[in-house]
Amino acid sequence: MSTSIAFIGGGNMASSLIGGLISSSEQTASILVAEPNAEQREQLALQFNVQTTGDNNQTLKADVVVLAVKPQLLQVVCRALSDTLQQSDKQPLFISIAAGVRSADIDRWLGGNQAIVRCMPNTPSLLQTGATGLYANQHVDDSQKTLAENILRAVGITLWVNKEAELDAVTAVSGSGPAYFFLLMEAMQRAGIKLGLEAETAEKLVLQTALGAALMADNSDVDVATLRARVTSKGGTTEQAIKSFQNAHFEKLVENALKAANERSQSLADELSKDPS
């Protein structure tokens, strides 16, 4: 018997997870999506052949409920589920992919004593090449942890953290990380154009180089520092570029950027935890 999975929210990340689950042979009959927008419900049903509903409470019949709404909406959504959940004999596993909302707050809004796995996926999950950090609260058992991991693995790699606070660091490194690489690629493209390349040529060279470097690092048996050293010949062009980066304190710049993202993740969680006045 397949595990029944329900999604509250049918946006991009939910669609990515549904697509990944289906491609990994998950039975579509076991997937339900609760989405307030009728047009979006119809699109999801046509695209994935899954069941849809406009009633979030219907999801509580599933084994797993994936909370895939915007962080600012999560408190309202969870509080609306609380009464039905507390009166039900069935207690699903909740998986939250809402950035910045702590598991203790989700648990409180749901009425307490709920099994919750909080996740921090990133946007490459839309192409099944994501990286997701996961944290389980004390009510999650080993079988539920495996279940959560299998669901998120449908869109990329999964890594567990032991302390929920570490998800702020996950957010800083991989959650926001794609934007850092986009910024570097953008800067390299502009520099290439200034050096005389056509815009299309600069773009293609940068994108393929970024892809190739990531694949080399992922498939290598040595760390990225060693890979960098191997392509940095003494007195060569790469060495001059690396020296320029280092003279501009590139590593400290990156450290400060990730620290700023980590601190903002913490402050967002504080803001989202507040009850309505």
Protein backbone atom coordinates (compact mmCIF):
# COMPACT_ATOMS: atom_id res chain seq x y z
CA MET A 1 0.00 0.00 0.00
CA SER A 2 1.47 3.34 -1.08
CA THR A 3 1.85 6.28 1.26
CA SER A 4 -0.79 8.97 0.78
CA ILE A 5 0.70 12.44 0.40
CA ALA A 6 -1.21 15.72 0.46
CA PHE A 7 0.04 19.19 -0.39
CA ILE A 8 -1.37 22.43 0.94
CA GLY A 9 -0.42 24.90 -1.76
CA GLY A 10 0.11 24.07 -5.41
CA GLY A 11 2.86 26.51 -6.39
CA ASN A 12 6.22 25.96 -8.07
CA MET A 13 7.93 24.01 -5.28
CA ALA A 14 4.90 21.78 -4.71
CA SER A 15 4.69 21.13 -8.44
CA SER A 16 8.38 20.25 -8.50
CA LEU A 17 7.95 17.76 -5.65
CA ILE A 18 4.87 16.22 -7.26
CA GLY A 19 6.69 15.86 -10.57
CA GLY A 20 9.68 14.28 -8.84
CA LEU A 21 7.50 11.86 -6.90
CA ILE A 22 5.66 10.79 -10.02
CA SER A 23 8.89 10.31 -11.97
CA SER A 24 10.15 8.12 -9.11
CA SER A 25 7.10 5.86 -9.55
CA GLU A 26 4.95 7.25 -6.72
CA GLN A 27 1.31 6.36 -7.44
CA THR A 28 -0.52 9.51 -8.57
CA ALA A 29 -3.72 8.25 -6.93
CA SER A 30 -2.02 8.69 -3.57
CA ILE A 31 -1.37 12.43 -4.09
CA LEU A 32 -3.86 15.15 -3.16
CA VAL A 33 -3.32 18.89 -3.63
CA ALA A 34 -5.30 21.53 -1.75
CA GLU A 35 -5.14 24.81 -3.64
CA PRO A 36 -7.51 27.80 -3.33
CA ASN A 37 -7.16 28.88 -6.96
CA ALA A 38 -9.55 26.88 -9.16
CA GLU A 39 -7.54 27.49 -12.32
CA GLN A 40 -4.37 26.24 -10.65
CA ARG A 41 -6.22 23.15 -9.36
CA GLU A 42 -7.36 22.34 -12.89
CA GLN A 43 -3.82 22.80 -14.23
CA LEU A 44 -2.36 20.49 -11.57
CA ALA A 45 -4.97 17.82 -12.26
CA LEU A 46 -4.28 17.96 -16.01
CA GLN A 47 -0.50 18.06 -15.69
CA PHE A 48 -0.04 15.37 -13.04
CA ASN A 49 -3.34 13.45 -12.97
CA VAL A 50 -3.60 14.03 -9.20
CA GLN A 51 -6.61 14.67 -7.00
CA THR A 52 -7.27 18.28 -6.05
CA THR A 53 -9.47 20.10 -3.56
CA GLY A 54 -10.17 23.61 -2.36
CA ASP A 55 -10.54 22.43 1.24
CA ASN A 56 -7.31 22.23 3.25
CA ASN A 57 -8.96 20.04 5.89
CA GLN A 58 -9.25 17.21 3.34
CA THR A 59 -5.47 16.85 3.45
CA LEU A 60 -5.56 15.64 7.05
CA LYS A 61 -6.71 12.22 5.83
CA ALA A 62 -3.28 11.67 4.26
CA ASP A 63 -0.24 10.02 5.86
CA VAL A 64 1.91 13.06 5.03
CA VAL A 65 0.87 16.70 4.69
CA VAL A 66 3.35 18.97 2.91
CA LEU A 67 2.90 22.59 3.94
CA ALA A 68 3.85 24.41 0.74
CA VAL A 69 2.38 27.86 1.30
CA LYS A 70 4.17 31.19 1.64
CA PRO A 71 5.69 31.70 5.11
CA GLN A 72 3.43 34.68 5.79
CA LEU A 73 0.35 32.49 5.25
CA LEU A 74 1.45 29.47 7.25
CA GLN A 75 0.12 30.60 10.64
CA VAL A 76 -3.39 31.21 9.26
CA VAL A 77 -3.35 27.88 7.39
CA CYS A 78 -2.18 25.88 10.42
CA ARG A 79 -4.60 27.49 12.86
CA ALA A 80 -7.46 26.68 10.49
CA LEU A 81 -6.42 23.00 10.54
CA SER A 82 -6.08 22.81 14.32
CA ASP A 83 -9.67 22.00 15.33
CA THR A 84 -10.11 19.22 12.77
CA LEU A 85 -6.68 17.82 13.58
CA GLN A 86 -7.28 17.69 17.34
CA GLN A 87 -10.57 15.83 16.82
CA SER A 88 -9.06 13.28 14.41
CA ASP A 89 -7.65 9.87 15.28
CA LYS A 90 -5.24 10.16 12.34
CA GLN A 91 -2.10 12.19 13.01
CA PRO A 92 -0.17 12.81 9.79
CA LEU A 93 3.47 13.75 9.43
CA PHE A 94 3.76 17.43 8.56
CA ILE A 95 6.56 18.53 6.24
CA SER A 96 7.04 22.28 6.03
CA ILE A 97 8.93 23.83 3.13
CA ALA A 98 8.02 27.35 4.25
CA ALA A 99 11.27 29.25 4.74
CA GLY A 100 11.99 30.75 8.14
CA VAL A 101 9.11 29.32 10.15
CA ARG A 102 10.29 27.31 13.16
CA SER A 103 8.85 23.88 13.91
CA ALA A 104 7.82 24.92 17.45
CA ASP A 105 5.62 27.68 16.02
CA ILE A 106 4.07 25.33 13.47
CA ASP A 107 3.39 22.82 16.23
CA ARG A 108 1.78 25.50 18.41
CA TRP A 109 -0.46 26.70 15.58
CA LEU A 110 -1.54 23.12 14.84
CA GLY A 111 -2.54 22.55 18.47
CA GLY A 112 0.59 20.80 19.77
CA ASN A 113 2.25 17.37 19.83
CA GLN A 114 2.53 17.07 16.05
CA ALA A 115 5.27 15.27 14.09
CA ILE A 116 6.94 17.99 12.02
CA VAL A 117 9.87 17.93 9.63
CA ARG A 118 11.03 21.36 8.61
CA CYS A 119 12.88 21.61 5.29
CA MET A 120 14.95 24.22 3.49
CA PRO A 121 15.01 23.35 -0.22
CA ASN A 122 16.41 25.65 -2.89
CA THR A 123 15.24 26.71 -6.34
CA PRO A 124 17.24 24.14 -8.36
CA SER A 125 14.74 21.68 -6.86
CA LEU A 126 12.50 22.86 -9.70
CA LEU A 127 14.86 20.92 -12.01
CA GLN A 128 15.32 17.99 -9.59
CA THR A 129 18.87 19.22 -8.85
CA GLY A 130 18.15 20.80 -5.47
CA ALA A 131 19.80 20.62 -2.08
CA THR A 132 17.55 20.36 0.98
CA GLY A 133 18.37 20.61 4.66
CA LEU A 134 15.95 18.81 7.00
CA TYR A 135 15.23 18.98 10.72
CA ALA A 136 12.83 16.70 12.65
CA ASN A 137 11.15 17.65 15.93
CA GLN A 138 10.91 15.26 18.87
CA HIS A 139 7.59 13.78 17.70
CA VAL A 140 9.01 12.40 14.44
CA ASP A 141 9.96 8.72 14.51
CA ASP A 142 12.58 6.97 12.37
CA SER A 143 10.10 5.71 9.79
CA GLN A 144 8.72 9.23 9.35
CA LYS A 145 12.23 10.62 8.94
CA THR A 146 12.83 8.09 6.17
CA LEU A 147 9.52 9.04 4.58
CA ALA A 148 10.37 12.76 4.63
CA GLU A 149 13.81 12.10 3.22
CA ASN A 150 12.40 10.02 0.37
CA ILE A 151 9.90 12.74 -0.55
CA LEU A 152 12.49 15.54 -0.64
CA ARG A 153 15.01 13.31 -2.39
CA ALA A 154 12.66 13.36 -5.38
CA VAL A 155 14.02 16.84 -6.15
CA GLY A 156 17.70 16.48 -5.23
CA ILE A 157 20.02 15.64 -2.35
CA THR A 158 18.92 15.72 1.30
CA LEU A 159 20.96 16.40 4.42
CA TRP A 160 19.76 16.25 8.04
CA VAL A 161 20.80 18.77 10.70
CA ASN A 162 20.73 17.99 14.42
CA LYS A 163 19.82 21.48 15.60
CA GLU A 164 17.05 23.54 14.03
CA ALA A 165 19.20 26.67 14.26
CA GLU A 166 21.49 25.06 11.68
CA LEU A 167 18.74 25.56 9.09
CA ASP A 168 19.58 29.27 9.19
CA ALA A 169 23.07 28.33 8.00
CA VAL A 170 21.57 25.99 5.38
CA THR A 171 19.48 28.93 4.19
CA ALA A 172 22.60 31.11 3.95
CA VAL A 173 24.64 28.49 2.09
CA SER A 174 22.27 26.60 -0.22
CA GLY A 175 18.87 28.24 0.16
CA SER A 176 20.14 31.64 -0.99
CA GLY A 177 23.22 30.14 -2.66
CA PRO A 178 21.94 29.94 -6.25
CA ALA A 179 21.64 33.74 -6.31
CA TYR A 180 25.32 34.11 -5.36
CA PHE A 181 26.35 32.01 -8.34
CA PHE A 182 23.97 33.91 -10.60
CA LEU A 183 25.59 37.16 -9.43
CA LEU A 184 29.07 35.82 -10.21
CA MET A 185 27.94 34.57 -13.61
CA GLU A 186 26.32 37.92 -14.33
CA ALA A 187 29.54 39.75 -13.42
CA MET A 188 31.66 37.39 -15.53
CA GLN A 189 29.38 37.88 -18.53
CA ARG A 190 29.63 41.66 -18.25
CA ALA A 191 33.41 41.49 -17.87
CA GLY A 192 33.64 39.24 -20.93
CA ILE A 193 31.67 41.75 -22.97
CA LYS A 194 33.98 44.57 -21.83
CA LEU A 195 36.92 42.43 -22.97
CA GLY A 196 35.42 42.32 -26.47
CA LEU A 197 33.21 39.22 -26.58
CA GLU A 198 29.75 39.25 -28.10
CA ALA A 199 27.05 39.09 -25.40
CA GLU A 200 25.77 35.70 -26.55
CA THR A 201 29.29 34.26 -26.66
CA ALA A 202 30.09 35.54 -23.16
CA GLU A 203 26.84 34.11 -21.82
CA LYS A 204 27.38 30.66 -23.30
CA LEU A 205 31.00 30.48 -22.15
CA VAL A 206 30.10 31.49 -18.58
CA LEU A 207 27.12 29.16 -18.24
CA GLN A 208 28.98 26.14 -19.62
CA THR A 209 32.01 26.91 -17.47
CA ALA A 210 29.85 27.12 -14.33
CA LEU A 211 28.14 23.84 -15.20
CA GLY A 212 31.44 22.12 -15.97
CA ALA A 213 33.10 23.34 -12.77
CA ALA A 214 30.17 22.15 -10.64
CA LEU A 215 30.20 18.72 -12.31
CA MET A 216 33.97 18.41 -11.88
CA ALA A 217 33.72 19.27 -8.19
CA ASP A 218 30.81 16.90 -7.65
CA ASN A 219 32.53 13.99 -9.38
CA SER A 220 36.04 14.60 -8.02
CA ASP A 221 37.78 12.59 -5.30
CA VAL A 222 39.57 15.74 -4.07
CA ASP A 223 38.26 18.96 -2.52
CA VAL A 224 37.61 22.19 -4.41
CA ALA A 225 40.78 23.83 -3.04
CA THR A 226 42.84 21.09 -4.71
CA LEU A 227 40.90 21.44 -7.94
CA ARG A 228 41.53 25.18 -7.91
CA ALA A 229 45.25 24.61 -7.36
CA ARG A 230 45.40 22.16 -10.27
CA VAL A 231 44.15 24.77 -12.75
CA THR A 232 46.21 27.61 -11.30
CA SER A 233 49.58 27.41 -13.06
CA LYS A 234 52.49 29.36 -11.61
CA GLY A 235 52.79 32.67 -13.41
CA GLY A 236 49.74 31.95 -15.56
CA THR A 237 46.50 33.78 -16.31
CA THR A 238 44.44 31.97 -13.68
CA GLU A 239 46.95 32.82 -10.97
CA GLN A 240 46.69 36.52 -11.82
CA ALA A 241 42.90 36.40 -11.60
CA ILE A 242 42.96 34.50 -8.29
CA LYS A 243 45.47 36.98 -6.83
CA SER A 244 43.16 39.82 -7.84
CA PHE A 245 40.25 38.13 -6.05
CA GLN A 246 42.35 37.55 -2.94
CA ASN A 247 43.72 41.09 -2.89
CA ALA A 248 40.11 42.28 -2.84
CA HIS A 249 39.45 40.01 0.18
CA PHE A 250 37.09 37.75 -1.76
CA GLU A 251 36.86 35.08 0.96
CA LYS A 252 36.00 37.64 3.64
CA LEU A 253 33.40 39.16 1.34
CA VAL A 254 31.74 35.75 0.92
CA GLU A 255 31.92 35.08 4.67
CA ASN A 256 30.26 38.42 5.44
CA ALA A 257 27.54 37.80 2.85
CA LEU A 258 26.63 34.39 4.29
CA LYS A 259 26.71 35.80 7.82
CA ALA A 260 24.25 38.50 6.76
CA ALA A 261 21.94 35.89 5.21
CA ASN A 262 22.16 33.73 8.35
CA GLU A 263 21.26 36.67 10.60
CA ARG A 264 18.36 37.68 8.37
CA SER A 265 17.04 34.11 8.45
CA GLN A 266 17.05 34.25 12.26
CA SER A 267 15.27 37.63 12.38
CA LEU A 268 12.66 36.49 9.85
CA ALA A 269 11.86 33.50 12.03
CA ASP A 270 11.37 35.83 15.00
CA GLU A 271 9.01 38.03 12.97
CA LEU A 272 6.99 35.10 11.63
CA SER A 273 6.60 33.54 15.08
CA LYS A 274 4.54 36.46 16.40
CA ASP A 275 0.83 35.94 16.89
CA PRO A 276 -1.57 38.47 15.33
CA SER A 277 -2.17 41.45 17.60
